[in-house]
């Protein structure tokens, strides 16, 4: 994130609702103390320290997100059990995000061309899905 902030003037970094939900669940789950601790740090620093913008979608937006997410899974771009990943991808699309930054291999393996056709058919953005490491290494070399 430091690399992005150094190279891009005032980037707007959105955090979709499903990501917030996943952080809350991880924070409240006592079975993994390390994940619980890291989720707590993320929730604490999200806005004030890291300057991320959590966003929500109006109820109509949530319905659109669910339909697009379902189609992403139906077409096999994500496994059927990766509901949250498909929701995050659909939310990023509806929020008109240019990039979806994720270290999740399921998201990183989504086929860009077919996904773009699906998202274009729904008149939403087709974000480039990229890992933080790839951004730091490829897009912003030292």
N, C-alpha and C. Protein backbone atom coordinates (compact mmCIF):
# COMPACT_ATOMS: atom_id res chain seq x y z
N UNK A 1 0.83 -1.19 0.00
CA UNK A 1 0.00 0.00 0.00
C UNK A 1 0.88 1.25 0.00
N UNK A 2 2.02 1.16 0.66
CA UNK A 2 2.93 2.30 0.64
C UNK A 2 3.39 2.61 -0.76
N UNK A 3 3.63 1.56 -1.55
CA UNK A 3 4.06 1.75 -2.94
C UNK A 3 2.99 2.47 -3.73
N UNK A 4 1.75 2.05 -3.59
CA UNK A 4 0.65 2.69 -4.31
C UNK A 4 0.52 4.14 -3.89
N UNK A 5 0.56 4.40 -2.61
CA UNK A 5 0.40 5.77 -2.11
C UNK A 5 1.56 6.67 -2.55
N UNK A 6 2.77 6.11 -2.68
CA UNK A 6 3.91 6.92 -3.15
C UNK A 6 3.76 7.26 -4.63
N UNK A 7 3.21 6.33 -5.41
CA UNK A 7 3.18 6.49 -6.86
C UNK A 7 1.91 7.12 -7.41
N UNK A 8 0.81 6.99 -6.70
CA UNK A 8 -0.46 7.53 -7.19
C UNK A 8 -0.92 8.66 -6.27
N UNK A 9 -1.26 9.79 -6.84
CA UNK A 9 -1.72 10.90 -6.00
C UNK A 9 -3.14 10.63 -5.48
N UNK A 10 -3.27 10.59 -4.18
CA UNK A 10 -4.57 10.46 -3.51
C UNK A 10 -5.44 9.32 -4.04
N UNK A 11 -4.95 8.08 -4.01
CA UNK A 11 -5.81 6.98 -4.47
C UNK A 11 -6.98 6.79 -3.51
N UNK A 12 -8.11 6.41 -4.04
CA UNK A 12 -9.26 6.08 -3.21
C UNK A 12 -9.27 4.56 -3.10
N UNK A 13 -9.11 4.07 -1.89
CA UNK A 13 -9.04 2.63 -1.67
C UNK A 13 -10.32 2.21 -0.95
N UNK A 14 -11.19 1.52 -1.68
CA UNK A 14 -12.48 1.10 -1.16
C UNK A 14 -12.39 -0.29 -0.56
N UNK A 15 -13.17 -0.51 0.48
CA UNK A 15 -13.27 -1.83 1.09
C UNK A 15 -14.73 -2.25 0.99
N UNK A 16 -15.03 -3.23 0.12
CA UNK A 16 -16.43 -3.64 -0.09
C UNK A 16 -17.03 -4.31 1.15
N UNK A 17 -18.36 -4.34 1.22
CA UNK A 17 -19.04 -4.86 2.41
C UNK A 17 -18.67 -6.30 2.78
N UNK A 18 -18.47 -7.16 1.81
CA UNK A 18 -18.16 -8.56 2.14
C UNK A 18 -16.79 -8.67 2.80
N UNK A 19 -15.85 -7.82 2.43
CA UNK A 19 -14.54 -7.82 3.09
C UNK A 19 -14.69 -7.43 4.55
N UNK A 20 -15.50 -6.41 4.81
CA UNK A 20 -15.76 -5.99 6.20
C UNK A 20 -16.40 -7.15 6.96
N UNK A 21 -17.38 -7.81 6.36
CA UNK A 21 -18.03 -8.95 7.01
C UNK A 21 -17.01 -10.05 7.34
N UNK A 22 -16.12 -10.35 6.40
CA UNK A 22 -15.11 -11.38 6.64
C UNK A 22 -14.17 -10.99 7.78
N UNK A 23 -13.81 -9.71 7.87
CA UNK A 23 -12.96 -9.26 8.96
C UNK A 23 -13.65 -9.40 10.31
N UNK A 24 -14.94 -9.04 10.35
CA UNK A 24 -15.69 -9.15 11.60
C UNK A 24 -15.80 -10.61 12.04
N UNK A 25 -16.09 -11.50 11.10
CA UNK A 25 -16.19 -12.93 11.42
C UNK A 25 -14.84 -13.44 11.92
N UNK A 26 -13.76 -13.08 11.25
CA UNK A 26 -12.42 -13.51 11.67
C UNK A 26 -12.08 -12.96 13.06
N UNK A 27 -12.48 -11.72 13.30
CA UNK A 27 -12.20 -11.10 14.59
C UNK A 27 -12.98 -11.78 15.72
N UNK A 28 -14.18 -12.22 15.44
CA UNK A 28 -15.04 -12.83 16.46
C UNK A 28 -14.83 -14.33 16.62
N UNK A 29 -14.04 -14.96 15.74
CA UNK A 29 -13.84 -16.41 15.79
C UNK A 29 -12.70 -16.76 16.74
N UNK A 30 -13.01 -17.42 17.85
CA UNK A 30 -11.96 -17.72 18.83
C UNK A 30 -11.07 -18.91 18.45
N UNK A 31 -11.36 -19.60 17.34
CA UNK A 31 -10.60 -20.81 17.01
C UNK A 31 -9.22 -20.52 16.41
N UNK A 32 -8.99 -19.32 15.91
CA UNK A 32 -7.70 -18.97 15.33
C UNK A 32 -7.22 -17.65 15.93
N UNK A 33 -6.48 -17.70 17.02
CA UNK A 33 -6.07 -16.47 17.71
C UNK A 33 -5.27 -15.50 16.84
N UNK A 34 -4.42 -16.02 15.97
CA UNK A 34 -3.61 -15.13 15.12
C UNK A 34 -4.49 -14.41 14.10
N UNK A 35 -5.40 -15.14 13.47
CA UNK A 35 -6.32 -14.50 12.52
C UNK A 35 -7.21 -13.50 13.25
N UNK A 36 -7.63 -13.85 14.45
CA UNK A 36 -8.44 -12.96 15.29
C UNK A 36 -7.68 -11.66 15.56
N UNK A 37 -6.42 -11.78 15.91
CA UNK A 37 -5.58 -10.61 16.21
C UNK A 37 -5.39 -9.74 14.97
N UNK A 38 -5.07 -10.37 13.84
CA UNK A 38 -4.84 -9.61 12.60
C UNK A 38 -6.11 -8.92 12.12
N UNK A 39 -7.25 -9.60 12.24
CA UNK A 39 -8.52 -8.98 11.86
C UNK A 39 -8.81 -7.78 12.75
N UNK A 40 -8.50 -7.90 14.02
CA UNK A 40 -8.69 -6.77 14.94
C UNK A 40 -7.84 -5.57 14.55
N UNK A 41 -6.59 -5.84 14.17
CA UNK A 41 -5.71 -4.75 13.71
C UNK A 41 -6.31 -4.09 12.47
N UNK A 42 -6.75 -4.91 11.51
CA UNK A 42 -7.32 -4.37 10.28
C UNK A 42 -8.55 -3.52 10.58
N UNK A 43 -9.45 -4.02 11.40
CA UNK A 43 -10.66 -3.27 11.72
C UNK A 43 -10.34 -1.97 12.45
N UNK A 44 -9.33 -2.00 13.31
CA UNK A 44 -8.95 -0.81 14.07
C UNK A 44 -8.32 0.26 13.18
N UNK A 45 -7.48 -0.16 12.24
CA UNK A 45 -6.70 0.79 11.45
C UNK A 45 -7.29 1.13 10.08
N UNK A 46 -8.33 0.44 9.69
CA UNK A 46 -8.89 0.58 8.35
C UNK A 46 -9.07 2.03 7.90
N UNK A 47 -9.77 2.80 8.67
CA UNK A 47 -10.08 4.17 8.28
C UNK A 47 -9.04 5.16 8.75
N UNK A 48 -8.80 5.20 10.04
CA UNK A 48 -7.97 6.27 10.61
C UNK A 48 -6.51 6.19 10.17
N UNK A 49 -5.92 5.03 10.29
CA UNK A 49 -4.49 4.91 10.00
C UNK A 49 -4.21 4.64 8.53
N UNK A 50 -4.95 3.70 7.94
CA UNK A 50 -4.68 3.29 6.56
C UNK A 50 -5.43 4.12 5.53
N UNK A 51 -6.41 4.89 5.96
CA UNK A 51 -7.20 5.77 5.06
C UNK A 51 -7.97 4.99 4.00
N UNK A 52 -8.42 3.77 4.35
CA UNK A 52 -9.29 3.00 3.47
C UNK A 52 -10.71 3.46 3.68
N UNK A 53 -11.55 3.35 2.66
CA UNK A 53 -12.95 3.74 2.76
C UNK A 53 -13.86 2.53 2.70
N UNK A 54 -14.37 2.10 3.86
CA UNK A 54 -15.38 1.04 3.82
C UNK A 54 -16.63 1.58 3.12
N UNK A 55 -17.24 0.78 2.30
CA UNK A 55 -18.44 1.21 1.58
C UNK A 55 -19.54 0.18 1.75
N UNK A 56 -20.74 0.64 1.59
CA UNK A 56 -21.89 -0.26 1.59
C UNK A 56 -22.64 0.00 0.30
N UNK A 57 -23.51 -0.89 -0.04
CA UNK A 57 -24.31 -0.75 -1.24
C UNK A 57 -25.77 -0.65 -0.82
N UNK A 58 -26.52 0.20 -1.50
CA UNK A 58 -27.94 0.28 -1.18
C UNK A 58 -28.57 -1.08 -1.44
N UNK A 59 -29.73 -1.38 -0.84
CA UNK A 59 -30.33 -2.71 -1.02
C UNK A 59 -30.43 -3.18 -2.46
N UNK A 60 -30.74 -2.30 -3.38
CA UNK A 60 -30.81 -2.70 -4.79
C UNK A 60 -29.45 -3.18 -5.27
N UNK A 61 -28.39 -2.47 -4.82
CA UNK A 61 -27.04 -2.86 -5.19
C UNK A 61 -26.69 -4.24 -4.68
N UNK A 62 -27.14 -4.56 -3.46
CA UNK A 62 -26.86 -5.89 -2.92
C UNK A 62 -27.52 -6.97 -3.78
N UNK A 63 -28.72 -6.71 -4.27
CA UNK A 63 -29.40 -7.68 -5.13
C UNK A 63 -28.67 -7.89 -6.43
N UNK A 64 -28.19 -6.80 -7.03
CA UNK A 64 -27.42 -6.90 -8.26
C UNK A 64 -26.13 -7.67 -8.02
N UNK A 65 -25.47 -7.36 -6.91
CA UNK A 65 -24.24 -8.06 -6.56
C UNK A 65 -24.48 -9.55 -6.44
N UNK A 66 -25.55 -9.93 -5.77
CA UNK A 66 -25.84 -11.36 -5.59
C UNK A 66 -26.07 -12.06 -6.92
N UNK A 67 -26.78 -11.41 -7.84
CA UNK A 67 -27.02 -12.01 -9.16
C UNK A 67 -25.73 -12.18 -9.94
N UNK A 68 -24.89 -11.13 -9.95
CA UNK A 68 -23.63 -11.22 -10.68
C UNK A 68 -22.72 -12.26 -10.05
N UNK A 69 -22.65 -12.29 -8.72
CA UNK A 69 -21.82 -13.27 -8.02
C UNK A 69 -22.25 -14.69 -8.35
N UNK A 70 -23.55 -14.89 -8.39
CA UNK A 70 -24.07 -16.22 -8.73
C UNK A 70 -23.65 -16.63 -10.13
N UNK A 71 -23.71 -15.71 -11.08
CA UNK A 71 -23.31 -16.03 -12.46
C UNK A 71 -21.81 -16.31 -12.56
N UNK A 72 -21.02 -15.60 -11.76
CA UNK A 72 -19.57 -15.84 -11.74
C UNK A 72 -19.30 -17.29 -11.32
N UNK A 73 -20.03 -17.74 -10.30
CA UNK A 73 -19.85 -19.13 -9.84
C UNK A 73 -20.46 -20.12 -10.82
N UNK A 74 -21.64 -19.81 -11.37
CA UNK A 74 -22.28 -20.73 -12.33
C UNK A 74 -21.38 -20.98 -13.53
N UNK A 75 -20.69 -19.97 -13.98
CA UNK A 75 -19.82 -20.12 -15.16
C UNK A 75 -18.49 -20.76 -14.81
N UNK A 76 -18.26 -21.02 -13.54
CA UNK A 76 -17.05 -21.71 -13.12
C UNK A 76 -15.83 -20.82 -12.99
N UNK A 77 -16.01 -19.51 -12.99
CA UNK A 77 -14.87 -18.60 -12.83
C UNK A 77 -14.34 -18.67 -11.40
N UNK A 78 -15.22 -19.01 -10.49
CA UNK A 78 -14.86 -19.28 -9.09
C UNK A 78 -15.59 -20.55 -8.68
N UNK A 79 -15.00 -21.33 -7.75
CA UNK A 79 -15.71 -22.52 -7.27
C UNK A 79 -17.04 -22.15 -6.61
N UNK A 80 -17.99 -23.06 -6.66
CA UNK A 80 -19.32 -22.80 -6.10
C UNK A 80 -19.30 -22.45 -4.62
N UNK A 81 -18.32 -23.00 -3.88
CA UNK A 81 -18.28 -22.72 -2.45
C UNK A 81 -17.56 -21.41 -2.11
N UNK A 82 -17.04 -20.70 -3.10
CA UNK A 82 -16.37 -19.42 -2.88
C UNK A 82 -17.36 -18.26 -3.03
N UNK A 83 -18.42 -18.32 -2.24
CA UNK A 83 -19.48 -17.32 -2.31
C UNK A 83 -18.94 -15.93 -1.98
N UNK A 84 -18.18 -15.80 -0.89
CA UNK A 84 -17.67 -14.48 -0.52
C UNK A 84 -16.74 -13.90 -1.57
N UNK A 85 -15.88 -14.74 -2.16
CA UNK A 85 -15.00 -14.24 -3.22
C UNK A 85 -15.82 -13.71 -4.40
N UNK A 86 -16.87 -14.42 -4.76
CA UNK A 86 -17.70 -13.95 -5.89
C UNK A 86 -18.43 -12.66 -5.52
N UNK A 87 -18.84 -12.54 -4.27
CA UNK A 87 -19.50 -11.30 -3.82
C UNK A 87 -18.51 -10.14 -3.84
N UNK A 88 -17.30 -10.37 -3.37
CA UNK A 88 -16.28 -9.31 -3.38
C UNK A 88 -16.00 -8.85 -4.80
N UNK A 89 -15.87 -9.78 -5.73
CA UNK A 89 -15.62 -9.43 -7.13
C UNK A 89 -16.80 -8.65 -7.72
N UNK A 90 -18.01 -9.10 -7.44
CA UNK A 90 -19.19 -8.39 -7.95
C UNK A 90 -19.31 -7.00 -7.31
N UNK A 91 -19.00 -6.89 -6.03
CA UNK A 91 -19.06 -5.58 -5.35
C UNK A 91 -18.05 -4.62 -5.96
N UNK A 92 -16.82 -5.10 -6.19
CA UNK A 92 -15.80 -4.25 -6.81
C UNK A 92 -16.25 -3.78 -8.19
N UNK A 93 -16.92 -4.66 -8.92
CA UNK A 93 -17.40 -4.31 -10.25
C UNK A 93 -18.49 -3.23 -10.17
N UNK A 94 -19.44 -3.44 -9.27
CA UNK A 94 -20.53 -2.47 -9.13
C UNK A 94 -20.01 -1.13 -8.61
N UNK A 95 -18.94 -1.15 -7.81
CA UNK A 95 -18.36 0.08 -7.28
C UNK A 95 -17.43 0.76 -8.29
N UNK A 96 -17.33 0.18 -9.49
CA UNK A 96 -16.54 0.75 -10.57
C UNK A 96 -15.05 0.82 -10.24
N UNK A 97 -14.55 -0.20 -9.56
CA UNK A 97 -13.13 -0.25 -9.18
C UNK A 97 -12.28 -0.62 -10.39
N UNK A 98 -11.17 0.06 -10.55
CA UNK A 98 -10.24 -0.25 -11.63
C UNK A 98 -9.40 -1.47 -11.28
N UNK A 99 -9.05 -1.60 -10.00
CA UNK A 99 -8.24 -2.72 -9.53
C UNK A 99 -8.96 -3.40 -8.36
N UNK A 100 -8.82 -4.71 -8.31
CA UNK A 100 -9.23 -5.48 -7.14
C UNK A 100 -7.94 -6.11 -6.63
N UNK A 101 -7.47 -5.62 -5.49
CA UNK A 101 -6.21 -6.09 -4.93
C UNK A 101 -6.52 -7.21 -3.95
N UNK A 102 -5.94 -8.38 -4.20
CA UNK A 102 -6.20 -9.54 -3.36
C UNK A 102 -5.04 -10.52 -3.44
N UNK A 103 -4.79 -11.17 -2.32
CA UNK A 103 -3.80 -12.24 -2.29
C UNK A 103 -4.48 -13.60 -2.40
N UNK A 104 -5.78 -13.61 -2.59
CA UNK A 104 -6.57 -14.84 -2.65
C UNK A 104 -6.39 -15.50 -4.03
N UNK A 105 -5.86 -16.72 -4.04
CA UNK A 105 -5.60 -17.40 -5.31
C UNK A 105 -6.85 -17.66 -6.12
N UNK A 106 -7.99 -17.89 -5.46
CA UNK A 106 -9.22 -18.10 -6.21
C UNK A 106 -9.53 -16.87 -7.06
N UNK A 107 -9.41 -15.70 -6.48
CA UNK A 107 -9.68 -14.48 -7.24
C UNK A 107 -8.61 -14.23 -8.30
N UNK A 108 -7.36 -14.47 -7.94
CA UNK A 108 -6.27 -14.23 -8.89
C UNK A 108 -6.35 -15.15 -10.10
N UNK A 109 -7.00 -16.30 -9.97
CA UNK A 109 -7.11 -17.26 -11.07
C UNK A 109 -8.34 -17.07 -11.95
N UNK A 110 -9.18 -16.07 -11.66
CA UNK A 110 -10.37 -15.84 -12.48
C UNK A 110 -9.92 -15.43 -13.88
N UNK A 111 -10.47 -16.06 -14.92
CA UNK A 111 -10.07 -15.73 -16.29
C UNK A 111 -10.57 -14.34 -16.70
N UNK A 112 -9.62 -13.45 -16.99
CA UNK A 112 -9.94 -12.04 -17.23
C UNK A 112 -10.87 -11.82 -18.43
N UNK A 113 -10.59 -12.47 -19.55
CA UNK A 113 -11.40 -12.25 -20.76
C UNK A 113 -12.86 -12.65 -20.58
N UNK A 114 -13.12 -13.89 -20.21
CA UNK A 114 -14.52 -14.29 -20.00
C UNK A 114 -15.22 -13.47 -18.91
N UNK A 115 -14.48 -13.13 -17.84
CA UNK A 115 -15.08 -12.32 -16.78
C UNK A 115 -15.50 -10.96 -17.33
N UNK A 116 -14.65 -10.35 -18.15
CA UNK A 116 -14.97 -9.03 -18.72
C UNK A 116 -16.25 -9.11 -19.54
N UNK A 117 -16.41 -10.15 -20.33
CA UNK A 117 -17.63 -10.30 -21.13
C UNK A 117 -18.86 -10.39 -20.23
N UNK A 118 -18.76 -11.16 -19.16
CA UNK A 118 -19.88 -11.30 -18.23
C UNK A 118 -20.22 -9.96 -17.57
N UNK A 119 -19.20 -9.26 -17.09
CA UNK A 119 -19.43 -8.00 -16.39
C UNK A 119 -19.91 -6.91 -17.35
N UNK A 120 -19.38 -6.90 -18.56
CA UNK A 120 -19.86 -5.94 -19.57
C UNK A 120 -21.35 -6.15 -19.85
N UNK A 121 -21.78 -7.39 -19.88
CA UNK A 121 -23.19 -7.70 -20.13
C UNK A 121 -24.08 -7.17 -19.01
N UNK A 122 -23.52 -6.93 -17.84
CA UNK A 122 -24.27 -6.38 -16.72
C UNK A 122 -24.02 -4.88 -16.53
N UNK A 123 -23.29 -4.29 -17.46
CA UNK A 123 -22.98 -2.85 -17.42
C UNK A 123 -22.29 -2.43 -16.14
N UNK A 124 -21.34 -3.26 -15.69
CA UNK A 124 -20.52 -2.91 -14.54
C UNK A 124 -19.05 -2.99 -14.95
N UNK A 125 -18.19 -2.40 -14.14
CA UNK A 125 -16.76 -2.37 -14.44
C UNK A 125 -16.16 -3.77 -14.36
N UNK A 126 -15.06 -3.94 -15.05
CA UNK A 126 -14.31 -5.19 -15.01
C UNK A 126 -12.94 -4.87 -14.41
N UNK A 127 -12.82 -5.00 -13.08
CA UNK A 127 -11.54 -4.64 -12.46
C UNK A 127 -10.43 -5.62 -12.82
N UNK A 128 -9.23 -5.11 -12.85
CA UNK A 128 -8.06 -5.97 -12.99
C UNK A 128 -7.81 -6.56 -11.61
N UNK A 129 -7.72 -7.88 -11.54
CA UNK A 129 -7.49 -8.55 -10.26
C UNK A 129 -5.99 -8.80 -10.15
N UNK A 130 -5.39 -8.26 -9.11
CA UNK A 130 -3.94 -8.32 -8.99
C UNK A 130 -3.55 -8.47 -7.51
N UNK A 131 -2.44 -9.16 -7.30
CA UNK A 131 -1.95 -9.34 -5.94
C UNK A 131 -1.15 -8.11 -5.52
N UNK A 132 -1.10 -7.83 -4.22
CA UNK A 132 -0.29 -6.70 -3.74
C UNK A 132 1.17 -6.84 -4.15
N UNK A 133 1.68 -8.08 -4.10
CA UNK A 133 3.07 -8.32 -4.47
C UNK A 133 3.33 -7.95 -5.93
N UNK A 134 2.40 -8.33 -6.82
CA UNK A 134 2.56 -8.03 -8.24
C UNK A 134 2.52 -6.52 -8.49
N UNK A 135 1.66 -5.83 -7.79
CA UNK A 135 1.61 -4.37 -7.95
C UNK A 135 2.96 -3.77 -7.56
N UNK A 136 3.46 -4.16 -6.40
CA UNK A 136 4.73 -3.61 -5.94
C UNK A 136 5.87 -3.95 -6.88
N UNK A 137 5.87 -5.18 -7.40
CA UNK A 137 6.97 -5.65 -8.23
C UNK A 137 6.88 -5.16 -9.67
N UNK A 138 5.70 -5.29 -10.30
CA UNK A 138 5.58 -5.05 -11.74
C UNK A 138 5.15 -3.64 -12.11
N UNK A 139 4.20 -3.11 -11.35
CA UNK A 139 3.65 -1.82 -11.75
C UNK A 139 4.43 -0.64 -11.21
N UNK A 140 5.11 -0.84 -10.11
CA UNK A 140 5.83 0.26 -9.49
C UNK A 140 7.26 -0.16 -9.13
N UNK A 141 8.06 -0.48 -10.15
CA UNK A 141 9.42 -0.91 -9.83
C UNK A 141 10.20 0.22 -9.15
N UNK A 142 11.17 -0.19 -8.34
CA UNK A 142 11.96 0.81 -7.59
C UNK A 142 12.87 1.58 -8.51
